[in-house]
Amino acid sequence: MQIPQEFMMVCRNFIQDLDVIGTTPEEVIRFAIQGLSTEERRVVRRFLDESLQEGRGEAELQGLWSKSGAQVYFRKVGQLRQFLTIMRGMLK
């Protein structure tokens, strides 16, 4: 699956010291998506819709995430899916 540049832009905002920016997933995501245009939000939302479809395994999601440039890691199964689902909801 091709990762859109818009998603990569968002993920570059997920830096190691993210806890300084926010303490909840919503605060962190809000920071990461704040500069997106309406069209960029649509692109990221479509990508997340496709990525979060049923049938996509955690390993596949982790693979996409590791290619994204994000410096934040999720140790437990399902945490990344939950985080991306929150992000998708915030991109409406």
Protein backbone atom coordinates (compact mmCIF):
# COMPACT_ATOMS: atom_id res chain seq x y z
CA MET A 1 0.00 0.00 0.00
CA GLN A 2 1.33 3.41 -0.98
CA ILE A 3 1.61 5.84 1.94
CA PRO A 4 0.48 9.33 0.93
CA GLN A 5 2.81 12.25 1.51
CA GLU A 6 0.09 13.96 3.58
CA PHE A 7 0.10 11.09 6.08
CA MET A 8 3.90 11.23 6.23
CA MET A 9 3.66 14.97 7.02
CA VAL A 10 1.36 14.24 9.96
CA CYS A 11 3.53 11.42 11.25
CA ARG A 12 6.65 13.59 11.29
CA ASN A 13 4.93 15.53 14.08
CA PHE A 14 4.87 12.41 16.27
CA ILE A 15 8.23 12.99 17.93
CA GLN A 16 9.76 11.27 20.95
CA ASP A 17 9.05 14.18 23.31
CA LEU A 18 5.37 14.23 22.41
CA ASP A 19 4.33 14.08 26.06
CA VAL A 20 5.42 17.74 26.29
CA ILE A 21 2.83 18.61 23.63
CA GLY A 22 -0.07 16.67 25.09
CA THR A 23 -1.05 14.01 27.57
CA THR A 24 -3.96 12.44 25.70
CA PRO A 25 -4.09 10.93 22.22
CA GLU A 26 -6.51 13.67 21.19
CA GLU A 27 -4.14 16.47 22.23
CA VAL A 28 -1.23 14.85 20.43
CA ILE A 29 -3.24 14.23 17.27
CA ARG A 30 -4.65 17.76 17.32
CA PHE A 31 -1.07 19.08 17.35
CA ALA A 32 -0.05 16.77 14.50
CA ILE A 33 -2.95 17.62 12.17
CA GLN A 34 -3.29 21.32 12.93
CA GLY A 35 -1.60 22.55 9.75
CA LEU A 36 -3.45 20.34 7.28
CA SER A 37 -5.62 21.87 4.60
CA THR A 38 -9.11 20.51 3.96
CA GLU A 39 -7.86 18.48 1.00
CA GLU A 40 -4.90 17.11 2.96
CA ARG A 41 -7.29 16.04 5.72
CA ARG A 42 -9.39 14.20 3.12
CA VAL A 43 -6.34 12.36 1.79
CA VAL A 44 -5.23 11.28 5.26
CA ARG A 45 -8.78 10.27 6.21
CA ARG A 46 -9.14 8.13 3.05
CA PHE A 47 -5.79 6.50 3.74
CA LEU A 48 -6.82 5.72 7.32
CA ASP A 49 -10.18 4.36 6.12
CA GLU A 50 -8.32 1.93 3.85
CA SER A 51 -5.66 1.09 6.44
CA LEU A 52 -8.14 0.37 9.22
CA GLN A 53 -10.39 -1.90 7.18
CA GLU A 54 -11.28 -5.21 8.73
CA GLY A 55 -8.86 -7.88 7.69
CA ARG A 56 -5.77 -5.72 8.04
CA GLY A 57 -3.62 -7.29 10.68
CA GLU A 58 -1.69 -5.52 13.37
CA ALA A 59 1.59 -6.48 11.70
CA GLU A 60 0.52 -4.73 8.49
CA LEU A 61 -0.48 -1.59 10.41
CA GLN A 62 2.80 -1.65 12.32
CA GLY A 63 4.63 -1.93 8.99
CA LEU A 64 2.86 1.16 7.63
CA TRP A 65 3.55 3.04 10.86
CA SER A 66 7.24 2.15 10.86
CA LYS A 67 7.58 3.53 7.30
CA SER A 68 5.78 6.76 8.22
CA GLY A 69 8.65 8.50 9.99
CA ALA A 70 6.83 8.68 13.33
CA GLN A 71 9.07 8.41 16.38
CA VAL A 72 6.28 7.11 18.62
CA TYR A 73 5.96 3.37 19.14
CA PHE A 74 3.05 1.27 20.36
CA ARG A 75 3.98 -1.83 22.35
CA LYS A 76 0.60 -3.47 22.87
CA VAL A 77 -1.45 -5.04 20.13
CA GLY A 78 -4.34 -2.80 19.22
CA GLN A 79 -2.91 0.47 20.58
CA LEU A 80 -1.84 1.66 17.14
CA ARG A 81 -5.21 0.72 15.65
CA GLN A 82 -6.98 2.62 18.44
CA PHE A 83 -4.72 5.67 17.95
CA LEU A 84 -5.29 5.71 14.18
CA THR A 85 -9.04 5.29 14.69
CA ILE A 86 -9.07 8.36 16.95
CA MET A 87 -7.08 10.28 14.35
CA ARG A 88 -9.50 9.26 11.59
CA GLY A 89 -12.41 10.54 13.70
CA MET A 90 -10.69 13.87 14.28
CA LEU A 91 -10.19 14.41 10.53
CA LYS A 92 -13.90 14.85 9.77
